[in-house]
Amino acid sequence: MAAFKFMSGPEAKPVQAGFAGLATPDAVRFVKGEYFVVVKPVAGGDSEGALTLARAIAKRIPRTGFAPELYLPLPKDGLIQGSEFYFKGPKVFATRFSGELAEALSVGSALEGVAGRYMFRGSEMNLIKLRFTGRSRTIEVISSFIESCEGLPITRPGANRDYYTVYNKDGSEMYVAEFADWLFFIPDGPKGGSAQQLIEYAMRSM
């Protein structure tokens, strides 16, 4: 299992340390190569000291591009800074989303995944991307997910749309699509077309 999870909040701020560095009063977190690093001040220390140490550690880690390469495909427009979430396996996935959703999306069979929270047209929503072993497996997972939504209204792909829309009973909308070995998923899209714009933009960004 591996996790790369930055919790954003009013006291969190981006810092120059490794990739996607983030500082809070109690720690500095960053990723570089295949490592997720957390540096916390010792008793009597301060956040500036933790940042200095974090930068020194980052310089000593070779750049392999492991997690950063996964983050780069996340669309940048509308991405809420600090909301990026890298995961492997359903247990880590379930720290942000539900275990039921992990099962429905076959997260356990995914090679890896990444998610981010977006602000589009005044509405917040999540975008999840899962990478599987190939396009045929991605299509299998989507087919299984759509079957699990039996009883809910569903709009299927057509001439002018490359994704499914599932209409939840609470009025929200789910979007699911595939591109090669990637699965795209929006679990909490609001009405009004903003989620549709995000899924289309995400697919164009590949």
Protein backbone atom coordinates (compact mmCIF):
# COMPACT_ATOMS: atom_id res chain seq x y z
CA MET A 1 0.00 0.00 0.00
CA ALA A 2 1.12 3.57 -0.60
CA ALA A 3 -0.54 6.88 0.06
CA PHE A 4 0.11 10.44 -0.93
CA LYS A 5 -2.53 12.56 0.74
CA PHE A 6 -2.33 16.26 1.48
CA MET A 7 -5.06 17.70 3.66
CA SER A 8 -5.79 21.31 2.76
CA GLY A 9 -7.16 23.77 5.26
CA PRO A 10 -7.03 27.40 6.29
CA GLU A 11 -3.55 26.99 7.83
CA ALA A 12 -2.01 24.94 5.01
CA LYS A 13 0.24 26.66 2.48
CA PRO A 14 2.25 25.48 -0.53
CA VAL A 15 6.04 25.47 -0.06
CA GLN A 16 9.05 24.81 -2.27
CA ALA A 17 10.00 21.33 -1.11
CA GLY A 18 10.06 18.37 -3.48
CA PHE A 19 6.87 17.98 -5.49
CA ALA A 20 3.58 19.52 -4.28
CA GLY A 21 5.11 20.57 -0.95
CA LEU A 22 2.61 21.65 1.69
CA ALA A 23 3.24 23.09 5.14
CA THR A 24 0.92 23.09 8.15
CA PRO A 25 1.77 24.25 11.69
CA ASP A 26 2.64 20.67 12.69
CA ALA A 27 4.43 19.27 9.60
CA VAL A 28 5.90 19.74 6.14
CA ARG A 29 4.86 17.15 3.54
CA PHE A 30 6.12 16.56 0.03
CA VAL A 31 6.68 13.82 -2.52
CA LYS A 32 9.75 13.12 -4.61
CA GLY A 33 10.59 10.06 -6.63
CA GLU A 34 8.71 7.18 -5.04
CA TYR A 35 8.79 8.68 -1.53
CA PHE A 36 6.15 10.55 0.45
CA VAL A 37 7.95 12.49 3.17
CA VAL A 38 6.57 14.05 6.37
CA VAL A 39 8.86 16.20 8.52
CA LYS A 40 7.59 17.26 11.96
CA PRO A 41 9.33 19.66 14.35
CA VAL A 42 10.68 18.09 17.52
CA ALA A 43 9.77 19.51 20.92
CA GLY A 44 11.01 23.08 21.00
CA GLY A 45 11.41 23.20 17.22
CA ASP A 46 9.43 25.27 14.77
CA SER A 47 7.93 25.00 11.30
CA GLU A 48 10.82 26.90 9.69
CA GLY A 49 13.27 24.32 10.98
CA ALA A 50 11.06 21.54 9.65
CA LEU A 51 10.95 23.23 6.25
CA THR A 52 14.73 23.60 6.14
CA LEU A 53 15.16 19.91 6.94
CA ALA A 54 12.48 18.92 4.40
CA ARG A 55 14.29 20.81 1.64
CA ALA A 56 17.59 19.16 2.56
CA ILE A 57 15.97 15.72 2.43
CA ALA A 58 14.33 16.51 -0.92
CA LYS A 59 17.71 17.37 -2.45
CA ARG A 60 19.10 13.96 -1.48
CA ILE A 61 16.26 11.93 -3.02
CA PRO A 62 16.81 11.01 -6.69
CA ARG A 63 14.10 12.10 -9.08
CA THR A 64 12.35 9.04 -10.57
CA GLY A 65 9.07 10.70 -11.50
CA PHE A 66 6.92 8.02 -9.82
CA ALA A 67 4.15 9.96 -8.12
CA PRO A 68 4.67 13.27 -9.98
CA GLU A 69 4.06 11.56 -13.32
CA LEU A 70 0.72 10.37 -11.98
CA TYR A 71 -0.21 13.84 -10.79
CA LEU A 72 0.67 15.61 -14.01
CA PRO A 73 -2.35 14.19 -15.92
CA LEU A 74 -4.72 15.81 -13.41
CA PRO A 75 -6.35 18.75 -15.22
CA LYS A 76 -5.05 22.00 -13.78
CA ASP A 77 -7.97 24.38 -14.43
CA GLY A 78 -10.26 24.44 -11.43
CA LEU A 79 -8.07 22.12 -9.32
CA ILE A 80 -8.19 23.12 -5.64
CA GLN A 81 -4.58 23.40 -4.52
CA GLY A 82 -3.63 20.86 -1.88
CA SER A 83 -6.52 18.50 -2.68
CA GLU A 84 -4.42 16.03 -4.70
CA PHE A 85 -4.67 12.47 -3.42
CA TYR A 86 -2.51 9.56 -4.61
CA PHE A 87 -3.48 6.05 -3.59
CA LYS A 88 -2.88 2.34 -4.10
CA GLY A 89 -5.46 -0.12 -2.88
CA PRO A 90 -8.99 0.18 -1.46
CA LYS A 91 -7.92 0.85 2.15
CA VAL A 92 -6.12 4.05 1.24
CA PHE A 93 -8.88 5.01 -1.22
CA ALA A 94 -11.44 4.64 1.59
CA THR A 95 -9.68 7.28 3.70
CA ARG A 96 -11.24 9.88 1.41
CA PHE A 97 -14.06 8.01 -0.33
CA SER A 98 -16.24 5.12 0.83
CA GLY A 99 -15.35 1.44 0.94
CA GLU A 100 -18.49 0.74 -1.08
CA LEU A 101 -17.26 2.99 -3.88
CA ALA A 102 -13.85 1.31 -3.77
CA GLU A 103 -15.56 -2.03 -4.36
CA ALA A 104 -17.86 -0.69 -7.08
CA LEU A 105 -14.87 0.76 -8.99
CA SER A 106 -12.67 -2.32 -8.45
CA VAL A 107 -9.98 -0.17 -6.85
CA GLY A 108 -8.32 -3.33 -5.55
CA SER A 109 -7.41 -4.38 -9.10
CA ALA A 110 -6.19 -0.93 -10.19
CA LEU A 111 -2.46 -0.36 -10.57
CA GLU A 112 -2.74 3.06 -8.95
CA GLY A 113 -5.01 6.05 -8.76
CA VAL A 114 -5.15 9.78 -8.23
CA ALA A 115 -7.92 12.18 -7.31
CA GLY A 116 -8.40 15.90 -6.90
CA ARG A 117 -11.14 18.27 -5.84
CA TYR A 118 -12.30 20.85 -8.39
CA MET A 119 -14.23 24.11 -8.46
CA PHE A 120 -16.13 24.40 -11.74
CA ARG A 121 -18.75 27.08 -12.42
CA GLY A 122 -19.20 27.70 -8.71
CA SER A 123 -19.59 24.02 -7.75
CA GLU A 124 -17.12 21.70 -5.98
CA MET A 125 -16.73 18.08 -7.05
CA ASN A 126 -14.19 15.24 -7.06
CA LEU A 127 -12.42 13.77 -10.07
CA ILE A 128 -10.98 10.27 -9.66
CA LYS A 129 -8.61 8.62 -12.13
CA LEU A 130 -7.74 4.92 -11.93
CA ARG A 131 -5.15 3.15 -14.05
CA PHE A 132 -5.70 -0.52 -14.89
CA THR A 133 -3.63 -3.10 -16.76
CA GLY A 134 -5.15 -2.26 -20.13
CA ARG A 135 -8.18 -0.88 -21.93
CA SER A 136 -10.06 -4.19 -21.88
CA ARG A 137 -9.83 -4.29 -18.07
CA THR A 138 -10.93 -0.66 -17.83
CA ILE A 139 -14.00 -1.44 -19.94
CA GLU A 140 -14.79 -4.47 -17.77
CA VAL A 141 -14.70 -2.34 -14.64
CA ILE A 142 -17.00 0.28 -16.16
CA SER A 143 -19.47 -2.39 -17.32
CA SER A 144 -19.52 -3.90 -13.84
CA PHE A 145 -20.04 -0.47 -12.26
CA ILE A 146 -22.94 0.36 -14.59
CA GLU A 147 -24.56 -2.98 -13.74
CA SER A 148 -24.29 -2.10 -10.05
CA CYS A 149 -26.31 1.07 -10.73
CA GLU A 150 -29.37 -0.92 -11.80
CA GLY A 151 -32.53 0.99 -10.97
CA LEU A 152 -30.98 4.43 -11.47
CA PRO A 153 -31.49 6.48 -14.65
CA ILE A 154 -28.44 6.22 -16.90
CA THR A 155 -27.44 8.09 -20.06
CA ARG A 156 -25.07 5.98 -22.13
CA PRO A 157 -22.28 7.06 -24.52
CA GLY A 158 -23.45 8.19 -27.94
CA ALA A 159 -22.34 10.07 -31.01
CA ASN A 160 -21.63 13.29 -29.10
CA ARG A 161 -20.61 11.93 -25.70
CA ASP A 162 -17.96 9.42 -24.64
CA TYR A 163 -19.12 8.82 -21.07
CA TYR A 164 -21.93 7.48 -18.92
CA THR A 165 -24.05 9.68 -16.68
CA VAL A 166 -25.76 8.08 -13.69
CA TYR A 167 -28.46 10.14 -11.95
CA ASN A 168 -28.46 9.60 -8.19
CA LYS A 169 -31.64 9.73 -6.11
CA ASP A 170 -30.36 12.78 -4.22
CA GLY A 171 -30.16 14.80 -7.44
CA SER A 172 -26.39 14.55 -7.90
CA GLU A 173 -24.83 12.99 -10.99
CA MET A 174 -22.02 10.46 -11.47
CA TYR A 175 -19.88 10.46 -14.61
CA VAL A 176 -17.70 7.57 -15.75
CA ALA A 177 -15.52 7.29 -18.87
CA GLU A 178 -12.40 5.53 -20.17
CA PHE A 179 -9.34 6.38 -22.19
CA ALA A 180 -6.94 3.50 -22.85
CA ASP A 181 -6.01 2.08 -19.43
CA TRP A 182 -7.44 5.06 -17.51
CA LEU A 183 -10.87 5.24 -15.91
CA PHE A 184 -12.32 8.69 -15.14
CA PHE A 185 -14.98 9.08 -12.47
CA ILE A 186 -16.90 11.96 -10.90
CA PRO A 187 -18.96 10.70 -7.93
CA ASP A 188 -20.65 13.90 -6.82
CA GLY A 189 -21.42 16.11 -9.81
CA PRO A 190 -24.10 18.75 -9.33
CA LYS A 191 -26.87 19.46 -11.80
CA GLY A 192 -26.28 22.19 -14.35
CA GLY A 193 -23.55 20.84 -16.61
CA SER A 194 -20.41 21.69 -14.62
CA ALA A 195 -19.56 18.01 -13.99
CA GLN A 196 -20.06 17.27 -17.68
CA GLN A 197 -17.61 20.05 -18.53
CA LEU A 198 -15.07 18.65 -16.07
CA ILE A 199 -15.20 15.06 -17.39
CA GLU A 200 -14.87 16.31 -20.98
CA TYR A 201 -11.98 18.58 -20.03
CA ALA A 202 -10.24 15.76 -18.16
CA MET A 203 -10.46 13.47 -21.19
CA ARG A 204 -9.15 16.17 -23.50
CA SER A 205 -6.20 16.69 -21.16
CA MET A 206 -4.82 13.17 -21.73
